[in-house]
């Protein structure tokens, strides 16, 4: 699993760098430079292809990096919430695996919580 660990480390690093203001301003600078280069290339198809190809490649790769980091973060949040649920004596431990329920089951459970919330509002 060394490859997975290396990819996770790289994905976290890339996500931090991608979310940095300097990265955003660098991307803006690239777009401005590309736009200023338009007249030198006669607004040609090649000139347009350069930015289209570059942005497509970056977007394609970032989707996988962001999805990986989001999956990792979501899993960590689930584990933390599971630990909180487990630590509460009166909590229903069956709620620790809600992410495994079907949409219909989740809708049913949401309806139950909505009814409980409404009853609590009426009580106060």
N, C-alpha and C. Protein backbone atom coordinates (compact mmCIF):
# COMPACT_ATOMS: atom_id res chain seq x y z
N UNK A 1 0.82 -1.20 0.00
CA UNK A 1 0.00 0.00 0.00
C UNK A 1 0.86 1.26 0.00
N UNK A 2 2.14 1.10 -0.29
CA UNK A 2 3.03 2.25 -0.32
C UNK A 2 2.58 3.25 -1.39
N UNK A 3 2.12 2.76 -2.53
CA UNK A 3 1.67 3.64 -3.61
C UNK A 3 0.46 4.46 -3.14
N UNK A 4 -0.46 3.81 -2.43
CA UNK A 4 -1.64 4.50 -1.92
C UNK A 4 -1.24 5.59 -0.93
N UNK A 5 -0.31 5.28 -0.05
CA UNK A 5 0.15 6.26 0.95
C UNK A 5 0.85 7.43 0.26
N UNK A 6 1.69 7.14 -0.73
CA UNK A 6 2.36 8.21 -1.47
C UNK A 6 1.35 9.08 -2.22
N UNK A 7 0.35 8.44 -2.84
CA UNK A 7 -0.67 9.21 -3.54
C UNK A 7 -1.46 10.09 -2.57
N UNK A 8 -1.79 9.55 -1.40
CA UNK A 8 -2.51 10.32 -0.40
C UNK A 8 -1.70 11.53 0.04
N UNK A 9 -0.42 11.33 0.29
CA UNK A 9 0.44 12.46 0.67
C UNK A 9 0.50 13.49 -0.45
N UNK A 10 0.66 13.03 -1.69
CA UNK A 10 0.72 13.95 -2.82
C UNK A 10 -0.61 14.69 -2.98
N UNK A 11 -1.73 13.97 -2.86
CA UNK A 11 -3.04 14.58 -3.03
C UNK A 11 -3.28 15.66 -1.98
N UNK A 12 -2.89 15.38 -0.73
CA UNK A 12 -3.05 16.39 0.32
C UNK A 12 -2.19 17.61 0.04
N UNK A 13 -0.94 17.36 -0.36
CA UNK A 13 -0.05 18.47 -0.69
C UNK A 13 -0.63 19.30 -1.85
N UNK A 14 -1.06 18.62 -2.90
CA UNK A 14 -1.60 19.32 -4.08
C UNK A 14 -2.87 20.08 -3.73
N UNK A 15 -3.73 19.50 -2.89
CA UNK A 15 -4.96 20.19 -2.50
C UNK A 15 -4.65 21.45 -1.70
N UNK A 16 -3.65 21.37 -0.81
CA UNK A 16 -3.26 22.56 -0.04
C UNK A 16 -2.71 23.63 -0.98
N UNK A 17 -1.87 23.23 -1.91
CA UNK A 17 -1.28 24.18 -2.86
C UNK A 17 -2.35 24.76 -3.79
N UNK A 18 -3.28 23.92 -4.23
CA UNK A 18 -4.33 24.39 -5.16
C UNK A 18 -5.25 25.39 -4.48
N UNK A 19 -5.42 25.26 -3.18
CA UNK A 19 -6.30 26.18 -2.45
C UNK A 19 -5.61 27.42 -1.95
N UNK A 20 -4.35 27.60 -2.26
CA UNK A 20 -3.58 28.74 -1.78
C UNK A 20 -3.83 29.96 -2.67
N UNK A 21 -3.91 31.15 -2.09
CA UNK A 21 -4.14 32.36 -2.90
C UNK A 21 -3.09 32.57 -3.99
N UNK A 22 -1.83 32.23 -3.69
CA UNK A 22 -0.78 32.40 -4.69
C UNK A 22 -1.05 31.54 -5.93
N UNK A 23 -1.59 30.36 -5.72
CA UNK A 23 -1.93 29.49 -6.85
C UNK A 23 -3.02 30.13 -7.71
N UNK A 24 -4.02 30.70 -7.04
CA UNK A 24 -5.10 31.37 -7.78
C UNK A 24 -4.55 32.53 -8.61
N UNK A 25 -3.74 33.37 -7.98
CA UNK A 25 -3.20 34.52 -8.70
C UNK A 25 -2.24 34.10 -9.80
N UNK A 26 -1.55 32.99 -9.62
CA UNK A 26 -0.70 32.45 -10.68
C UNK A 26 -1.54 32.01 -11.87
N UNK A 27 -2.67 31.37 -11.59
CA UNK A 27 -3.57 30.96 -12.67
C UNK A 27 -4.12 32.17 -13.41
N UNK A 28 -4.49 33.21 -12.66
CA UNK A 28 -4.98 34.45 -13.29
C UNK A 28 -3.88 35.05 -14.16
N UNK A 29 -2.63 35.05 -13.67
CA UNK A 29 -1.52 35.59 -14.45
C UNK A 29 -1.32 34.81 -15.75
N UNK A 30 -1.46 33.50 -15.69
CA UNK A 30 -1.33 32.68 -16.90
C UNK A 30 -2.41 33.05 -17.91
N UNK A 31 -3.64 33.24 -17.43
CA UNK A 31 -4.73 33.62 -18.33
C UNK A 31 -4.47 34.99 -18.95
N UNK A 32 -3.98 35.93 -18.14
CA UNK A 32 -3.69 37.28 -18.66
C UNK A 32 -2.58 37.21 -19.70
N UNK A 33 -1.51 36.47 -19.41
CA UNK A 33 -0.43 36.31 -20.38
C UNK A 33 -0.92 35.67 -21.68
N UNK A 34 -1.76 34.66 -21.52
CA UNK A 34 -2.33 34.00 -22.70
C UNK A 34 -3.16 35.00 -23.50
N UNK A 35 -3.96 35.79 -22.82
CA UNK A 35 -4.80 36.78 -23.52
C UNK A 35 -3.94 37.81 -24.25
N UNK A 36 -2.89 38.28 -23.59
CA UNK A 36 -2.00 39.25 -24.24
C UNK A 36 -1.24 38.65 -25.42
N UNK A 37 -1.05 37.34 -25.41
CA UNK A 37 -0.36 36.67 -26.51
C UNK A 37 -1.26 36.51 -27.73
N UNK A 38 -2.56 36.71 -27.56
CA UNK A 38 -3.52 36.55 -28.66
C UNK A 38 -3.15 37.30 -29.92
N UNK A 39 -2.85 38.60 -29.83
CA UNK A 39 -2.51 39.35 -31.06
C UNK A 39 -1.25 38.82 -31.75
N UNK A 40 -0.29 38.33 -30.97
CA UNK A 40 0.95 37.81 -31.57
C UNK A 40 0.70 36.53 -32.35
N UNK A 41 -0.33 35.77 -31.94
CA UNK A 41 -0.67 34.54 -32.64
C UNK A 41 -1.84 34.76 -33.60
N UNK A 42 -2.26 36.01 -33.75
CA UNK A 42 -3.35 36.33 -34.67
C UNK A 42 -4.67 35.71 -34.24
N UNK A 43 -4.84 35.56 -32.94
CA UNK A 43 -6.07 34.97 -32.39
C UNK A 43 -6.36 33.63 -33.07
N UNK A 44 -5.32 32.88 -33.34
CA UNK A 44 -5.43 31.64 -34.12
C UNK A 44 -6.06 30.51 -33.32
N UNK A 45 -6.39 29.46 -34.06
CA UNK A 45 -6.93 28.26 -33.42
C UNK A 45 -5.89 27.63 -32.49
N UNK A 46 -4.63 27.70 -32.86
CA UNK A 46 -3.56 27.16 -32.01
C UNK A 46 -3.51 27.91 -30.69
N UNK A 47 -3.62 29.22 -30.76
CA UNK A 47 -3.62 30.05 -29.56
C UNK A 47 -4.76 29.63 -28.62
N UNK A 48 -5.94 29.41 -29.18
CA UNK A 48 -7.09 28.98 -28.38
C UNK A 48 -6.89 27.55 -27.86
N UNK A 49 -6.30 26.70 -28.70
CA UNK A 49 -6.09 25.31 -28.32
C UNK A 49 -5.14 25.19 -27.12
N UNK A 50 -4.18 26.09 -27.01
CA UNK A 50 -3.22 26.05 -25.90
C UNK A 50 -3.95 26.18 -24.57
N UNK A 51 -4.80 27.18 -24.43
CA UNK A 51 -5.49 27.38 -23.16
C UNK A 51 -6.54 26.30 -22.93
N UNK A 52 -7.23 25.90 -23.98
CA UNK A 52 -8.25 24.85 -23.82
C UNK A 52 -7.63 23.54 -23.37
N UNK A 53 -6.52 23.16 -23.99
CA UNK A 53 -5.85 21.92 -23.62
C UNK A 53 -5.29 22.00 -22.20
N UNK A 54 -4.64 23.10 -21.89
CA UNK A 54 -4.06 23.27 -20.55
C UNK A 54 -5.10 23.21 -19.45
N UNK A 55 -6.18 23.94 -19.63
CA UNK A 55 -7.21 23.95 -18.59
C UNK A 55 -7.93 22.61 -18.49
N UNK A 56 -8.11 21.94 -19.60
CA UNK A 56 -8.75 20.63 -19.57
C UNK A 56 -7.90 19.62 -18.82
N UNK A 57 -6.61 19.61 -19.07
CA UNK A 57 -5.72 18.68 -18.39
C UNK A 57 -5.69 18.96 -16.89
N UNK A 58 -5.52 20.21 -16.52
CA UNK A 58 -5.47 20.57 -15.10
C UNK A 58 -6.79 20.20 -14.42
N UNK A 59 -7.91 20.51 -15.04
CA UNK A 59 -9.22 20.19 -14.46
C UNK A 59 -9.39 18.69 -14.31
N UNK A 60 -9.03 17.94 -15.33
CA UNK A 60 -9.16 16.48 -15.30
C UNK A 60 -8.38 15.89 -14.13
N UNK A 61 -7.13 16.31 -13.97
CA UNK A 61 -6.30 15.78 -12.89
C UNK A 61 -6.77 16.24 -11.51
N UNK A 62 -7.20 17.48 -11.41
CA UNK A 62 -7.65 18.02 -10.13
C UNK A 62 -8.91 17.32 -9.62
N UNK A 63 -9.75 16.87 -10.53
CA UNK A 63 -10.96 16.16 -10.11
C UNK A 63 -10.59 14.95 -9.26
N UNK A 64 -9.60 14.19 -9.70
CA UNK A 64 -9.20 12.99 -8.97
C UNK A 64 -8.52 13.33 -7.64
N UNK A 65 -7.68 14.35 -7.66
CA UNK A 65 -7.02 14.75 -6.42
C UNK A 65 -8.02 15.26 -5.39
N UNK A 66 -8.92 16.10 -5.83
CA UNK A 66 -9.92 16.66 -4.92
C UNK A 66 -10.84 15.55 -4.41
N UNK A 67 -11.26 14.65 -5.28
CA UNK A 67 -12.13 13.56 -4.86
C UNK A 67 -11.44 12.69 -3.82
N UNK A 68 -10.17 12.41 -4.02
CA UNK A 68 -9.43 11.58 -3.07
C UNK A 68 -9.35 12.27 -1.70
N UNK A 69 -8.97 13.54 -1.69
CA UNK A 69 -8.86 14.24 -0.40
C UNK A 69 -10.23 14.38 0.25
N UNK A 70 -11.27 14.60 -0.55
CA UNK A 70 -12.62 14.70 0.02
C UNK A 70 -13.06 13.36 0.61
N UNK A 71 -12.77 12.27 -0.07
CA UNK A 71 -13.11 10.95 0.46
C UNK A 71 -12.41 10.70 1.79
N UNK A 72 -11.13 11.05 1.86
CA UNK A 72 -10.36 10.87 3.09
C UNK A 72 -10.94 11.72 4.21
N UNK A 73 -11.23 12.98 3.92
CA UNK A 73 -11.80 13.87 4.93
C UNK A 73 -13.16 13.39 5.40
N UNK A 74 -13.99 12.94 4.46
CA UNK A 74 -15.32 12.45 4.81
C UNK A 74 -15.23 11.22 5.70
N UNK A 75 -14.31 10.32 5.37
CA UNK A 75 -14.13 9.12 6.19
C UNK A 75 -13.69 9.50 7.61
N UNK A 76 -12.78 10.46 7.72
CA UNK A 76 -12.32 10.90 9.04
C UNK A 76 -13.47 11.51 9.84
N UNK A 77 -14.30 12.33 9.19
CA UNK A 77 -15.45 12.94 9.88
C UNK A 77 -16.42 11.85 10.35
N UNK A 78 -16.67 10.86 9.49
CA UNK A 78 -17.55 9.75 9.87
C UNK A 78 -17.01 9.03 11.11
N UNK A 79 -15.71 8.78 11.11
CA UNK A 79 -15.12 8.07 12.25
C UNK A 79 -15.22 8.90 13.53
N UNK A 80 -15.01 10.19 13.41
CA UNK A 80 -15.13 11.06 14.59
C UNK A 80 -16.57 11.09 15.10
N UNK A 81 -17.51 11.20 14.18
CA UNK A 81 -18.92 11.19 14.59
C UNK A 81 -19.31 9.84 15.18
N UNK A 82 -18.81 8.76 14.59
CA UNK A 82 -19.09 7.42 15.13
C UNK A 82 -18.58 7.31 16.57
N UNK A 83 -17.41 7.86 16.82
CA UNK A 83 -16.85 7.81 18.18
C UNK A 83 -17.71 8.62 19.15
N UNK A 84 -18.19 9.77 18.70
CA UNK A 84 -19.08 10.57 19.56
C UNK A 84 -20.39 9.84 19.84
N UNK A 85 -20.96 9.24 18.83
CA UNK A 85 -22.20 8.48 19.02
C UNK A 85 -21.96 7.32 19.98
N UNK A 86 -20.86 6.61 19.77
CA UNK A 86 -20.55 5.45 20.60
C UNK A 86 -20.36 5.86 22.06
N UNK A 87 -19.82 7.07 22.28
CA UNK A 87 -19.52 7.49 23.64
C UNK A 87 -20.75 7.94 24.42
N UNK A 88 -21.83 8.23 23.72
CA UNK A 88 -23.06 8.67 24.39
C UNK A 88 -23.91 7.46 24.72
N UNK A 89 -24.19 7.29 25.97
CA UNK A 89 -24.92 6.10 26.41
C UNK A 89 -26.31 6.00 25.82
N UNK A 90 -27.04 7.11 25.71
CA UNK A 90 -28.41 7.03 25.23
C UNK A 90 -28.53 7.12 23.71
N UNK A 91 -27.41 7.30 23.02
CA UNK A 91 -27.44 7.38 21.55
C UNK A 91 -27.69 6.00 20.95
N UNK A 92 -28.26 6.01 19.76
CA UNK A 92 -28.49 4.75 19.04
C UNK A 92 -27.25 4.40 18.23
N UNK A 93 -26.54 3.39 18.64
CA UNK A 93 -25.32 3.00 17.93
C UNK A 93 -25.60 2.56 16.50
N UNK A 94 -26.84 2.21 16.21
CA UNK A 94 -27.18 1.81 14.85
C UNK A 94 -27.03 2.98 13.86
N UNK A 95 -26.98 4.20 14.38
CA UNK A 95 -26.81 5.36 13.50
C UNK A 95 -25.37 5.52 13.04
N UNK A 96 -24.46 4.74 13.58
CA UNK A 96 -23.06 4.88 13.22
C UNK A 96 -22.76 4.48 11.78
N UNK A 97 -23.65 3.73 11.15
CA UNK A 97 -23.39 3.30 9.77
C UNK A 97 -24.49 3.79 8.82
N UNK A 98 -24.92 5.03 9.04
CA UNK A 98 -25.98 5.59 8.18
C UNK A 98 -25.57 5.65 6.71
N UNK A 99 -24.28 5.85 6.45
CA UNK A 99 -23.83 5.98 5.07
C UNK A 99 -24.06 4.71 4.27
N UNK A 100 -24.35 3.60 4.95
CA UNK A 100 -24.60 2.34 4.25
C UNK A 100 -26.08 2.12 3.93
N UNK A 101 -26.95 3.00 4.42
CA UNK A 101 -28.39 2.84 4.18
C UNK A 101 -28.75 3.28 2.77
N UNK A 102 -29.87 2.77 2.28
CA UNK A 102 -30.38 3.18 0.97
C UNK A 102 -31.00 4.57 1.10
N UNK A 103 -31.26 5.20 -0.03
CA UNK A 103 -31.89 6.52 -0.01
C UNK A 103 -33.27 6.46 0.64
N UNK A 104 -34.02 5.39 0.37
CA UNK A 104 -35.35 5.26 0.98
C UNK A 104 -35.24 5.14 2.50
N UNK A 105 -34.28 4.36 2.97
CA UNK A 105 -34.09 4.20 4.41
C UNK A 105 -33.67 5.53 5.06
N UNK A 106 -32.80 6.27 4.37
CA UNK A 106 -32.39 7.57 4.89
C UNK A 106 -33.57 8.54 4.93
N UNK A 107 -34.40 8.52 3.90
CA UNK A 107 -35.59 9.39 3.87
C UNK A 107 -36.54 9.06 5.02
N UNK A 108 -36.70 7.77 5.28
CA UNK A 108 -37.57 7.35 6.39
C UNK A 108 -37.02 7.84 7.73
N UNK A 109 -35.72 7.68 7.92
CA UNK A 109 -35.09 8.13 9.15
C UNK A 109 -35.15 9.65 9.29
N UNK A 110 -34.97 10.37 8.18
CA UNK A 110 -35.07 11.82 8.21
C UNK A 110 -36.47 12.25 8.61
N UNK A 111 -37.47 11.55 8.09
CA UNK A 111 -38.85 11.83 8.48
C UNK A 111 -39.06 11.65 9.97
N UNK A 112 -38.45 10.60 10.52
CA UNK A 112 -38.55 10.36 11.96
C UNK A 112 -37.93 11.51 12.75
N UNK A 113 -36.75 11.96 12.33
CA UNK A 113 -36.10 13.06 13.03
C UNK A 113 -36.87 14.37 12.84
N UNK A 114 -37.44 14.58 11.67
CA UNK A 114 -38.26 15.78 11.44
C UNK A 114 -39.46 15.79 12.37
N UNK A 115 -40.11 14.63 12.54
CA UNK A 115 -41.26 14.54 13.45
C UNK A 115 -40.84 14.81 14.90
N UNK A 116 -39.69 14.27 15.29
CA UNK A 116 -39.19 14.52 16.65
C UNK A 116 -38.86 16.00 16.87
N UNK A 117 -38.26 16.62 15.87
CA UNK A 117 -37.93 18.04 15.97
C UNK A 117 -39.20 18.88 16.06
N UNK A 118 -40.20 18.55 15.26
CA UNK A 118 -41.45 19.28 15.30
C UNK A 118 -42.14 19.10 16.65
N UNK A 119 -42.14 17.90 17.19
CA UNK A 119 -42.73 17.66 18.50
C UNK A 119 -42.01 18.45 19.59
N UNK A 120 -40.68 18.53 19.49
CA UNK A 120 -39.91 19.30 20.47
C UNK A 120 -40.22 20.79 20.35
N UNK A 121 -40.41 21.27 19.12
CA UNK A 121 -40.77 22.69 18.94
C UNK A 121 -42.12 23.00 19.54
N UNK A 122 -43.09 22.10 19.35
CA UNK A 122 -44.43 22.30 19.89
C UNK A 122 -44.41 22.25 21.41
N UNK A 123 -43.52 21.44 21.95
CA UNK A 123 -43.43 21.28 23.40
C UNK A 123 -42.95 22.60 24.05
N UNK A 124 -42.09 23.32 23.38
CA UNK A 124 -41.54 24.56 23.92
C UNK A 124 -42.39 25.68 23.44
